[in-house]
Amino acid sequence: MIMQIVLAAFALQLSSNAVDRTTQLPRAKDQALLDAFAPGDRKVWDNALASDAVYVDENGTIMNRAEFLKQLEPLAAGASGKLEITSYSAEISGDLAIVVHTDDEQENYHGQMVFARHLMTETWRREAGEWKLHLVHVSAMLKEPPAIALPAEVLEQYAGRYLAGSDLVYLIEWDGQQLMAGRQAGERDETVDGGGARRPLRGWRAAGPKNLSAGREGQNHRIRGSPRRRGPRLAPRP
C-alpha cells in the first residue's frame, strides 16, 4: 500500500514537471521573439511563425506572415533598447496554447530614455512536436501623465459650449472655484450628467482639457481625442 502511494506521488510529480516544461517552452520562445525586435532578426520570427500566421500591431495594422517579416528591420542608428516579459500566462489544451503576456520596453533614443508597457495575446499550436505561432495581437498599455494644478485664470478660459456634431453639445462652466461639465440637454442652457447633476471636470493638463480642444462655439471648435504616443518603438512598423 505504501509503495502504491509513493508511486502515485512520483507519477503526479512527473506530470506536474511535464506541464511546467510545456508552459515554459512558449515563454522562452516569446522572450526570444521580443529579443529579436531590436536587431531586426527575421530568422527567429521565421522559425516561430506558422505558414498562415497573422500579426496585428498596436496601430491596428494587420499583416500576414510575409508582410510582417518584410518590414522587420533593425533599429536605426542612435537607437537601442529591449523588451522584457513581466507577466505571462499560458492556457494549454492538447496542441493548442492561448498566451497572454505583458512586456516592459526600455529604449535609448539618441540619449533620451523612453519607457512603455505592452500587452500581447497569442495563439500557438503544436505541429509535429514543435510550437508554431499563428496569431499575435499587440496593444499599447497607455498611462495618463500626472495632473498638474493650473491657475484659475487659465481654467476659466475653457468655459464654453463644445460641439461634436449637431446632436451633441458639451457645456463647461466656471463656478468661481472649479470647472463643471456635462452634456447640454436639448435647448436648455444647463449641463446634465445622468440624472441632471453637474459634476467637476477632472483630468486637466497643462496643455488644456484632456479630451477637448480649446475655444468656444463660433470659433469652429470641436471635441477631439487627446493625442497619445501609441505602441512600442521597438515593434515593427509598416
Protein backbone atom coordinates (compact mmCIF):
# COMPACT_ATOMS: atom_id res chain seq x y z
CA MET A 1 0.00 0.00 0.00
CA ILE A 2 2.81 2.38 0.93
CA MET A 3 4.62 1.54 -2.31
CA GLN A 4 1.48 2.37 -4.32
CA ILE A 5 1.19 5.76 -2.63
CA VAL A 6 4.85 6.52 -3.32
CA LEU A 7 4.49 5.52 -6.98
CA ALA A 8 1.34 7.62 -7.35
CA ALA A 9 3.07 10.66 -5.82
CA PHE A 10 6.07 10.18 -8.11
CA ALA A 11 3.82 9.95 -11.17
CA LEU A 12 2.00 13.13 -10.10
CA GLN A 13 5.30 14.96 -9.72
CA LEU A 14 6.42 13.87 -13.18
CA SER A 15 3.12 15.04 -14.63
CA SER A 16 3.47 18.41 -12.89
CA ASN A 17 7.03 18.84 -14.15
CA ALA A 18 5.91 17.99 -17.68
CA VAL A 19 3.21 20.68 -17.52
CA ASP A 20 5.78 23.19 -16.24
CA ARG A 21 8.15 22.38 -19.08
CA THR A 22 5.31 22.65 -21.58
CA THR A 23 4.40 26.09 -20.22
CA GLN A 24 7.98 27.29 -20.14
CA LEU A 25 8.55 26.43 -23.79
CA PRO A 26 6.17 29.09 -25.21
CA ARG A 27 7.52 31.69 -22.75
CA ALA A 28 11.11 31.03 -23.78
CA LYS A 29 10.08 31.32 -27.41
CA ASP A 30 8.22 34.56 -26.74
CA GLN A 31 11.17 36.19 -24.98
CA ALA A 32 13.41 35.18 -27.88
CA LEU A 33 10.95 36.82 -30.28
CA LEU A 34 10.99 40.04 -28.26
CA ASP A 35 14.79 39.99 -28.19
CA ALA A 36 14.75 39.79 -31.99
CA PHE A 37 12.93 43.11 -32.48
CA ALA A 38 15.85 45.48 -31.82
CA PRO A 39 18.34 43.76 -34.17
CA GLY A 40 15.57 43.01 -36.69
CA ASP A 41 16.37 39.29 -36.57
CA ARG A 42 13.98 37.80 -39.11
CA LYS A 43 15.34 34.27 -38.70
CA VAL A 44 13.96 33.93 -35.16
CA TRP A 45 10.50 35.04 -36.26
CA ASP A 46 10.67 33.00 -39.45
CA ASN A 47 11.28 29.83 -37.42
CA ALA A 48 8.43 30.56 -34.99
CA LEU A 49 5.65 31.75 -37.30
CA ALA A 50 3.19 29.31 -38.82
CA SER A 51 2.66 29.45 -42.57
CA ASP A 52 -0.73 31.17 -42.09
CA ALA A 53 0.35 33.47 -39.23
CA VAL A 54 -1.28 36.87 -38.76
CA TYR A 55 0.30 39.78 -36.84
CA VAL A 56 -1.83 42.72 -35.65
CA ASP A 57 0.29 45.58 -34.37
CA GLU A 58 -0.60 48.26 -31.79
CA ASN A 59 -1.76 50.64 -34.55
CA GLY A 60 -4.32 48.15 -35.89
CA THR A 61 -2.28 47.18 -38.95
CA ILE A 62 -2.99 43.57 -39.99
CA MET A 63 -0.08 41.73 -41.60
CA ASN A 64 0.30 38.23 -42.94
CA ARG A 65 3.50 36.28 -42.43
CA ALA A 66 5.34 37.64 -45.46
CA GLU A 67 4.31 41.25 -44.80
CA PHE A 68 5.42 41.09 -41.19
CA LEU A 69 8.83 39.62 -41.98
CA LYS A 70 9.44 42.11 -44.78
CA GLN A 71 9.02 45.16 -42.55
CA LEU A 72 11.05 43.77 -39.63
CA GLU A 73 14.19 45.91 -39.62
CA PRO A 74 16.93 46.73 -37.07
CA LEU A 75 16.58 49.90 -35.02
CA ALA A 76 18.03 52.95 -36.75
CA ALA A 77 21.39 54.41 -35.76
CA GLY A 78 21.21 56.27 -32.45
CA ALA A 79 18.52 53.98 -31.03
CA SER A 80 18.84 50.90 -28.84
CA GLY A 81 16.52 49.09 -26.50
CA LYS A 82 14.93 45.92 -25.23
CA LEU A 83 11.57 44.33 -24.45
CA GLU A 84 11.22 42.10 -21.40
CA ILE A 85 8.30 39.89 -20.34
CA THR A 86 6.98 40.94 -16.92
CA SER A 87 3.92 38.68 -16.63
CA TYR A 88 2.98 35.57 -18.56
CA SER A 89 0.09 33.12 -18.66
CA ALA A 90 -0.47 30.18 -20.98
CA GLU A 91 -3.64 28.10 -21.16
CA ILE A 92 -2.67 24.84 -22.86
CA SER A 93 -5.22 22.32 -24.10
CA GLY A 94 -3.73 19.49 -26.09
CA ASP A 95 -1.85 21.03 -29.01
CA LEU A 96 -3.37 24.50 -28.58
CA ALA A 97 -1.99 27.28 -26.35
CA ILE A 98 -3.59 30.67 -25.66
CA VAL A 99 -0.94 33.05 -24.31
CA VAL A 100 -1.24 36.49 -22.71
CA HIS A 101 1.82 38.43 -21.59
CA THR A 102 2.77 41.99 -20.66
CA ASP A 103 6.13 43.42 -21.68
CA ASP A 104 8.16 46.38 -20.46
CA GLU A 105 10.06 48.37 -23.07
CA GLN A 106 13.16 50.44 -22.47
CA GLU A 107 14.62 52.39 -25.36
CA ASN A 108 17.52 54.79 -25.59
CA TYR A 109 16.62 57.16 -28.41
CA HIS A 110 19.59 59.46 -29.07
CA GLY A 111 20.26 59.73 -25.35
CA GLN A 112 16.60 60.08 -24.33
CA MET A 113 15.19 57.20 -22.32
CA VAL A 114 11.72 56.01 -23.34
CA PHE A 115 9.64 53.59 -21.27
CA ALA A 116 6.43 51.82 -22.28
CA ARG A 117 4.35 48.74 -21.49
CA HIS A 118 2.55 46.46 -23.94
CA LEU A 119 0.01 43.64 -23.85
CA MET A 120 0.34 40.74 -26.29
CA THR A 121 -2.18 37.97 -26.89
CA GLU A 122 -1.17 34.97 -28.96
CA THR A 123 -2.38 31.66 -30.34
CA TRP A 124 0.18 28.84 -30.58
CA ARG A 125 -0.34 25.34 -31.98
CA ARG A 126 1.94 22.35 -31.65
CA GLU A 127 2.69 20.90 -35.06
CA ALA A 128 4.86 17.81 -35.47
CA GLY A 129 6.09 18.30 -31.90
CA GLU A 130 7.03 21.98 -32.35
CA TRP A 131 5.10 25.07 -31.19
CA LYS A 132 4.15 27.41 -34.05
CA LEU A 133 2.74 30.91 -33.66
CA HIS A 134 -0.50 31.52 -35.58
CA LEU A 135 -1.78 34.85 -34.24
CA VAL A 136 -0.26 37.85 -32.44
CA HIS A 137 -2.20 40.91 -31.31
CA VAL A 138 -0.26 43.78 -29.71
CA SER A 139 -1.88 46.52 -27.60
CA ALA A 140 -0.24 49.56 -26.04
CA MET A 141 -0.99 49.85 -22.32
CA LEU A 142 -1.47 53.60 -22.10
CA LYS A 143 -0.86 55.61 -18.96
CA GLU A 144 -2.08 59.15 -18.44
CA PRO A 145 0.54 61.69 -17.38
CA PRO A 146 0.11 63.10 -13.86
CA ALA A 147 -2.28 66.02 -13.48
CA ILE A 148 -0.95 69.44 -12.50
CA ALA A 149 -2.59 72.43 -10.84
CA LEU A 150 -3.48 75.31 -13.18
CA PRO A 151 -4.27 78.87 -12.06
CA ALA A 152 -7.91 79.92 -12.01
CA GLU A 153 -7.46 82.46 -14.80
CA VAL A 154 -6.24 79.67 -17.12
CA LEU A 155 -9.00 77.22 -16.26
CA GLU A 156 -11.67 79.89 -16.69
CA GLN A 157 -10.66 80.28 -20.34
CA TYR A 158 -12.08 76.85 -21.13
CA ALA A 159 -15.65 77.67 -20.11
CA GLY A 160 -17.99 77.49 -23.09
CA ARG A 161 -20.09 75.25 -25.34
CA TYR A 162 -18.26 72.39 -27.08
CA LEU A 163 -19.70 70.74 -30.17
CA ALA A 164 -19.34 67.19 -31.51
CA GLY A 165 -21.72 67.22 -34.44
CA SER A 166 -25.17 68.76 -34.48
CA ASP A 167 -26.64 66.41 -31.88
CA LEU A 168 -24.07 66.68 -29.08
CA VAL A 169 -23.28 69.80 -27.06
CA TYR A 170 -20.92 69.62 -24.10
CA LEU A 171 -21.03 72.55 -21.69
CA ILE A 172 -18.18 73.61 -19.41
CA GLU A 173 -18.80 76.21 -16.72
CA TRP A 174 -16.57 78.01 -14.24
CA ASP A 175 -18.23 78.35 -10.82
CA GLY A 176 -15.53 80.52 -9.30
CA GLN A 177 -13.62 77.59 -7.82
CA GLN A 178 -13.61 74.78 -10.34
CA LEU A 179 -14.79 73.75 -13.79
CA MET A 180 -18.12 71.95 -14.01
CA ALA A 181 -19.01 69.93 -17.10
CA GLY A 182 -21.75 67.83 -18.62
CA ARG A 183 -23.89 67.36 -21.71
CA GLN A 184 -26.42 70.02 -22.61
CA ALA A 185 -29.95 68.65 -22.75
CA GLY A 186 -31.86 69.82 -25.81
CA GLU A 187 -32.28 73.61 -25.88
CA ARG A 188 -31.89 74.06 -22.13
CA ASP A 189 -28.88 76.05 -21.06
CA GLU A 190 -27.70 73.61 -18.44
CA THR A 191 -25.31 70.73 -18.04
CA VAL A 192 -26.54 67.29 -17.18
CA ASP A 193 -24.90 64.07 -16.04
CA GLY A 194 -27.29 61.15 -15.89
CA GLY A 195 -29.99 62.46 -13.53
CA GLY A 196 -29.20 66.09 -14.33
CA ALA A 197 -26.47 66.83 -11.77
CA ARG A 198 -23.42 68.77 -12.81
CA ARG A 199 -20.04 67.32 -11.97
CA PRO A 200 -16.47 68.63 -11.57
CA LEU A 201 -14.28 68.20 -14.62
CA ARG A 202 -11.22 66.08 -13.84
CA GLY A 203 -8.05 65.15 -15.64
CA TRP A 204 -6.89 68.56 -16.83
CA ARG A 205 -3.37 69.01 -18.14
CA ALA A 206 -1.09 71.95 -18.76
CA ALA A 207 -1.91 71.89 -22.47
CA GLY A 208 -5.63 72.08 -21.83
CA PRO A 209 -8.54 69.69 -21.25
CA LYS A 210 -7.86 66.00 -21.67
CA ASN A 211 -10.41 65.39 -24.41
CA LEU A 212 -11.36 68.87 -25.60
CA SER A 213 -9.65 71.40 -27.82
CA ALA A 214 -9.56 74.98 -26.53
CA GLY A 215 -12.02 77.54 -27.89
CA ARG A 216 -15.70 78.33 -27.80
CA GLU A 217 -18.60 77.79 -30.13
CA GLY A 218 -18.34 80.20 -33.02
CA GLN A 219 -14.60 79.57 -33.34
CA ASN A 220 -15.04 76.32 -35.27
CA HIS A 221 -14.31 74.42 -32.09
CA ARG A 222 -14.86 70.65 -31.88
CA ILE A 223 -14.39 67.88 -29.37
CA ARG A 224 -11.35 65.82 -30.23
CA GLY A 225 -9.48 62.90 -28.68
CA SER A 226 -6.27 63.82 -26.93
CA PRO A 227 -3.06 62.90 -28.80
CA ARG A 228 -1.11 59.99 -27.35
CA ARG A 229 2.01 58.06 -28.18
CA ARG A 230 0.90 54.64 -29.36
CA GLY A 231 2.77 51.41 -29.23
CA PRO A 232 6.33 50.21 -28.78
CA ARG A 233 9.09 51.90 -30.72
CA LEU A 234 10.75 48.51 -30.95
CA ALA A 235 7.70 46.94 -32.54
CA PRO A 236 7.58 46.60 -36.32
CA ARG A 237 6.31 49.48 -38.41
CA PRO A 238 4.63 49.02 -41.79
